Amino acid sequence: MWNQHKHYLLSQNDDRDPQVAFWEDLRKEAQEWLREGDQLIIGGDVNNEVRDPAVEIFFSDLSMHNLIYEHHSPEGAPTTYFRNTNGRVVDGLWGTAGISAVRCGYLDPRKWKVTIRPSGWTSPSPMPWATIPPPQPPLELDISS
């Protein structure tokens, strides 16, 4: 994946490392949305330990907090990839000050025939977009091949 992103960046006359480009571009977009008054929810696999100070500083500089860690301690947090044996948590969910989770957490990836741990959360907001239920387990889904 890194090579594909690097190839694309080079085709745009951009010689940045793809991971650096991702974080810089995300920061720029998020800052613009925040200036416009938007509330943000950013989630995903950040290809880094979510408890790493660089990740924590990135989101705190945007005045965002880890929604899952509002309710669950980051100490002993479950891994989010079924082949992960080193305890790294690479999936996270962050929100701006006006966003909070009523219920949230990770599901066991070994019980799902997918490579990442699905997560879900519920917001106290009555807005229709505010509730994202955890996905239902597939009957038979094998994406390893």
C-alpha atoms as a PDB file:
ATOM      1  CA  MET A   1       0.000   0.000   0.000  1.00  0.00           C
ATOM      2  CA  TRP A   2       2.840   2.405   0.860  1.00  0.00           C
ATOM      3  CA  ASN A   3       4.315   1.954  -2.625  1.00  0.00           C
ATOM      4  CA  GLN A   4       0.972   2.720  -4.272  1.00  0.00           C
ATOM      5  CA  HIS A   5       0.608   5.898  -2.252  1.00  0.00           C
ATOM      6  CA  LYS A   6       4.208   6.899  -2.926  1.00  0.00           C
ATOM      7  CA  HIS A   7       3.674   6.364  -6.664  1.00  0.00           C
ATOM      8  CA  TYR A   8       0.554   8.534  -6.587  1.00  0.00           C
ATOM      9  CA  LEU A   9       2.285  11.290  -4.638  1.00  0.00           C
ATOM     10  CA  LEU A  10       5.212  11.289  -7.044  1.00  0.00           C
ATOM     11  CA  SER A  11       2.773  11.536  -9.968  1.00  0.00           C
ATOM     12  CA  GLN A  12       1.514  14.731  -8.287  1.00  0.00           C
ATOM     13  CA  ASN A  13       5.076  16.091  -7.907  1.00  0.00           C
ATOM     14  CA  ASP A  14       4.884  15.438  -4.164  1.00  0.00           C
ATOM     15  CA  ASP A  15       7.912  13.654  -2.716  1.00  0.00           C
ATOM     16  CA  ARG A  16       6.600  13.307   0.868  1.00  0.00           C
ATOM     17  CA  ASP A  17       6.568   9.998   2.685  1.00  0.00           C
ATOM     18  CA  PRO A  18       2.978   8.668   2.356  1.00  0.00           C
ATOM     19  CA  GLN A  19       2.475   8.426   6.120  1.00  0.00           C
ATOM     20  CA  VAL A  20       3.740  11.959   6.630  1.00  0.00           C
ATOM     21  CA  ALA A  21       1.510  13.148   3.776  1.00  0.00           C
ATOM     22  CA  PHE A  22      -1.509  11.429   5.337  1.00  0.00           C
ATOM     23  CA  TRP A  23      -1.072  13.104   8.729  1.00  0.00           C
ATOM     24  CA  GLU A  24      -0.275  16.521   7.228  1.00  0.00           C
ATOM     25  CA  ASP A  25      -3.240  16.394   4.842  1.00  0.00           C
ATOM     26  CA  LEU A  26      -5.618  15.146   7.537  1.00  0.00           C
ATOM     27  CA  ARG A  27      -4.492  17.944   9.878  1.00  0.00           C
ATOM     28  CA  LYS A  28      -5.047  20.558   7.153  1.00  0.00           C
ATOM     29  CA  GLU A  29      -8.548  19.280   6.300  1.00  0.00           C
ATOM     30  CA  ALA A  30      -9.559  18.872   9.946  1.00  0.00           C
ATOM     31  CA  GLN A  31      -8.389  22.385  10.801  1.00  0.00           C
ATOM     32  CA  GLU A  32     -10.453  23.758   7.912  1.00  0.00           C
ATOM     33  CA  TRP A  33     -13.573  21.883   9.039  1.00  0.00           C
ATOM     34  CA  LEU A  34     -13.054  23.074  12.613  1.00  0.00           C
ATOM     35  CA  ARG A  35     -12.668  26.706  11.429  1.00  0.00           C
ATOM     36  CA  GLU A  36     -16.020  26.274   9.673  1.00  0.00           C
ATOM     37  CA  GLY A  37     -17.555  25.226  13.009  1.00  0.00           C
ATOM     38  CA  ASP A  38     -17.943  21.527  12.279  1.00  0.00           C
ATOM     39  CA  GLN A  39     -17.874  18.827  14.942  1.00  0.00           C
ATOM     40  CA  LEU A  40     -15.650  15.943  13.847  1.00  0.00           C
ATOM     41  CA  ILE A  41     -15.499  12.204  14.313  1.00  0.00           C
ATOM     42  CA  ILE A  42     -12.359  10.616  12.927  1.00  0.00           C
ATOM     43  CA  GLY A  43     -11.880   6.900  13.137  1.00  0.00           C
ATOM     44  CA  GLY A  44      -9.808   4.225  11.572  1.00  0.00           C
ATOM     45  CA  ASP A  45      -6.616   2.230  11.445  1.00  0.00           C
ATOM     46  CA  VAL A  46      -3.873   4.808  11.960  1.00  0.00           C
ATOM     47  CA  ASN A  47      -1.032   2.332  11.251  1.00  0.00           C
ATOM     48  CA  ASN A  48       0.435   3.271  14.593  1.00  0.00           C
ATOM     49  CA  GLU A  49      -0.269   2.535  18.230  1.00  0.00           C
ATOM     50  CA  VAL A  50      -3.190   4.827  19.177  1.00  0.00           C
ATOM     51  CA  ARG A  51      -1.631   5.322  22.616  1.00  0.00           C
ATOM     52  CA  ASP A  52       1.613   6.571  21.038  1.00  0.00           C
ATOM     53  CA  PRO A  53       2.335  10.158  22.129  1.00  0.00           C
ATOM     54  CA  ALA A  54       2.555  11.330  18.491  1.00  0.00           C
ATOM     55  CA  VAL A  55      -0.991  10.070  17.813  1.00  0.00           C
ATOM     56  CA  GLU A  56      -2.326  11.467  21.084  1.00  0.00           C
ATOM     57  CA  ILE A  57      -0.714  14.869  20.405  1.00  0.00           C
ATOM     58  CA  PHE A  58      -2.055  14.945  16.843  1.00  0.00           C
ATOM     59  CA  PHE A  59      -5.649  14.606  18.056  1.00  0.00           C
ATOM     60  CA  SER A  60      -5.265  16.757  21.178  1.00  0.00           C
ATOM     61  CA  ASP A  61      -3.844  19.576  19.010  1.00  0.00           C
ATOM     62  CA  LEU A  62      -7.178  19.420  17.151  1.00  0.00           C
ATOM     63  CA  SER A  63      -9.026  19.453  20.507  1.00  0.00           C
ATOM     64  CA  MET A  64     -10.198  15.892  19.883  1.00  0.00           C
ATOM     65  CA  HIS A  65     -10.431  13.082  22.422  1.00  0.00           C
ATOM     66  CA  ASN A  66     -10.477   9.293  22.155  1.00  0.00           C
ATOM     67  CA  LEU A  67     -14.152   8.348  22.368  1.00  0.00           C
ATOM     68  CA  ILE A  68     -13.521   4.735  23.327  1.00  0.00           C
ATOM     69  CA  TYR A  69     -11.084   5.627  26.090  1.00  0.00           C
ATOM     70  CA  GLU A  70     -13.736   7.864  27.654  1.00  0.00           C
ATOM     71  CA  HIS A  71     -15.354   4.629  28.847  1.00  0.00           C
ATOM     72  CA  HIS A  72     -12.582   2.037  28.672  1.00  0.00           C
ATOM     73  CA  SER A  73      -9.081   2.310  30.059  1.00  0.00           C
ATOM     74  CA  PRO A  74      -6.309   2.433  27.466  1.00  0.00           C
ATOM     75  CA  GLU A  75      -4.296   0.169  29.768  1.00  0.00           C
ATOM     76  CA  GLY A  76      -4.832  -3.404  28.666  1.00  0.00           C
ATOM     77  CA  ALA A  77      -6.930  -2.319  25.695  1.00  0.00           C
ATOM     78  CA  PRO A  78      -7.596  -5.183  23.294  1.00  0.00           C
ATOM     79  CA  THR A  79      -5.688  -5.472  20.064  1.00  0.00           C
ATOM     80  CA  THR A  80      -7.663  -4.651  16.952  1.00  0.00           C
ATOM     81  CA  TYR A  81      -6.097  -7.028  14.443  1.00  0.00           C
ATOM     82  CA  PHE A  82      -6.590 -10.778  14.725  1.00  0.00           C
ATOM     83  CA  ARG A  83      -2.944 -11.605  13.927  1.00  0.00           C
ATOM     84  CA  ASN A  84      -1.556  -8.998  16.317  1.00  0.00           C
ATOM     85  CA  THR A  85       0.594 -10.665  18.952  1.00  0.00           C
ATOM     86  CA  ASN A  86       2.434  -7.595  20.274  1.00  0.00           C
ATOM     87  CA  GLY A  87      -0.506  -5.828  21.932  1.00  0.00           C
ATOM     88  CA  ARG A  88      -0.626  -2.833  19.568  1.00  0.00           C
ATOM     89  CA  VAL A  89      -3.969  -1.059  19.270  1.00  0.00           C
ATOM     90  CA  VAL A  90      -4.034   0.583  15.834  1.00  0.00           C
ATOM     91  CA  ASP A  91      -7.742   1.370  15.485  1.00  0.00           C
ATOM     92  CA  GLY A  92      -9.262   4.350  17.211  1.00  0.00           C
ATOM     93  CA  LEU A  93     -12.188   6.730  17.252  1.00  0.00           C
ATOM     94  CA  TRP A  94     -11.772  10.407  18.143  1.00  0.00           C
ATOM     95  CA  GLY A  95     -14.291  13.226  18.467  1.00  0.00           C
ATOM     96  CA  THR A  96     -14.324  16.944  19.104  1.00  0.00           C
ATOM     97  CA  ALA A  97     -15.524  18.391  22.417  1.00  0.00           C
ATOM     98  CA  GLY A  98     -19.211  18.313  21.440  1.00  0.00           C
ATOM     99  CA  ILE A  99     -19.101  14.585  20.674  1.00  0.00           C
ATOM    100  CA  SER A 100     -19.339  11.914  23.328  1.00  0.00           C
ATOM    101  CA  ALA A 101     -20.070   8.217  23.363  1.00  0.00           C
ATOM    102  CA  VAL A 102     -22.783   6.677  25.486  1.00  0.00           C
ATOM    103  CA  ARG A 103     -21.745   3.124  24.620  1.00  0.00           C
ATOM    104  CA  CYS A 104     -18.644   2.039  22.766  1.00  0.00           C
ATOM    105  CA  GLY A 105     -16.008  -0.624  22.479  1.00  0.00           C
ATOM    106  CA  TYR A 106     -14.268  -3.142  20.287  1.00  0.00           C
ATOM    107  CA  LEU A 107     -15.529  -6.528  19.194  1.00  0.00           C
ATOM    108  CA  ASP A 108     -13.320  -9.622  19.166  1.00  0.00           C
ATOM    109  CA  PRO A 109     -11.755  -9.938  15.675  1.00  0.00           C
ATOM    110  CA  ARG A 110     -11.279 -13.680  16.122  1.00  0.00           C
ATOM    111  CA  LYS A 111     -15.051 -14.092  16.130  1.00  0.00           C
ATOM    112  CA  TRP A 112     -15.314 -12.151  12.869  1.00  0.00           C
ATOM    113  CA  LYS A 113     -13.876 -13.455   9.637  1.00  0.00           C
ATOM    114  CA  VAL A 114     -12.217 -10.092   8.999  1.00  0.00           C
ATOM    115  CA  THR A 115      -8.746  -8.790   9.750  1.00  0.00           C
ATOM    116  CA  ILE A 116      -9.689  -5.810  11.932  1.00  0.00           C
ATOM    117  CA  ARG A 117     -11.734  -5.499  15.090  1.00  0.00           C
ATOM    118  CA  PRO A 118     -15.053  -3.799  14.340  1.00  0.00           C
ATOM    119  CA  SER A 119     -16.010  -1.036  16.740  1.00  0.00           C
ATOM    120  CA  GLY A 120     -19.239   0.726  17.508  1.00  0.00           C
ATOM    121  CA  TRP A 121     -20.469   3.649  19.508  1.00  0.00           C
ATOM    122  CA  THR A 122     -23.672   5.494  20.352  1.00  0.00           C
ATOM    123  CA  SER A 123     -23.936   9.234  20.897  1.00  0.00           C
ATOM    124  CA  PRO A 124     -26.472  10.923  23.173  1.00  0.00           C
ATOM    125  CA  SER A 125     -27.311  13.298  20.306  1.00  0.00           C
ATOM    126  CA  PRO A 126     -30.730  12.943  18.652  1.00  0.00           C
ATOM    127  CA  MET A 127     -29.238  13.637  15.213  1.00  0.00           C
ATOM    128  CA  PRO A 128     -29.843  10.774  12.763  1.00  0.00           C
ATOM    129  CA  TRP A 129     -26.127  10.356  11.994  1.00  0.00           C
ATOM    130  CA  ALA A 130     -25.142  10.143  15.645  1.00  0.00           C
ATOM    131  CA  THR A 131     -25.655   6.421  16.209  1.00  0.00           C
ATOM    132  CA  ILE A 132     -23.333   4.001  14.513  1.00  0.00           C
ATOM    133  CA  PRO A 133     -24.233   0.471  15.603  1.00  0.00           C
ATOM    134  CA  PRO A 134     -21.614  -2.238  15.571  1.00  0.00           C
ATOM    135  CA  PRO A 135     -21.783  -4.325  12.407  1.00  0.00           C
ATOM    136  CA  GLN A 136     -23.571  -7.646  12.437  1.00  0.00           C
ATOM    137  CA  PRO A 137     -21.297 -10.657  12.007  1.00  0.00           C
ATOM    138  CA  PRO A 138     -21.236 -11.994   8.463  1.00  0.00           C
ATOM    139  CA  LEU A 139     -22.499 -15.497   7.854  1.00  0.00           C
ATOM    140  CA  GLU A 140     -19.331 -16.547   6.016  1.00  0.00           C
ATOM    141  CA  LEU A 141     -16.843 -13.920   4.957  1.00  0.00           C
ATOM    142  CA  ASP A 142     -13.260 -14.861   4.203  1.00  0.00           C
ATOM    143  CA  ILE A 143     -11.215 -11.980   2.846  1.00  0.00           C
ATOM    144  CA  SER A 144      -7.851 -13.618   3.419  1.00  0.00           C
ATOM    145  CA  SER A 145      -7.567 -14.935  -0.138  1.00  0.00           C
END
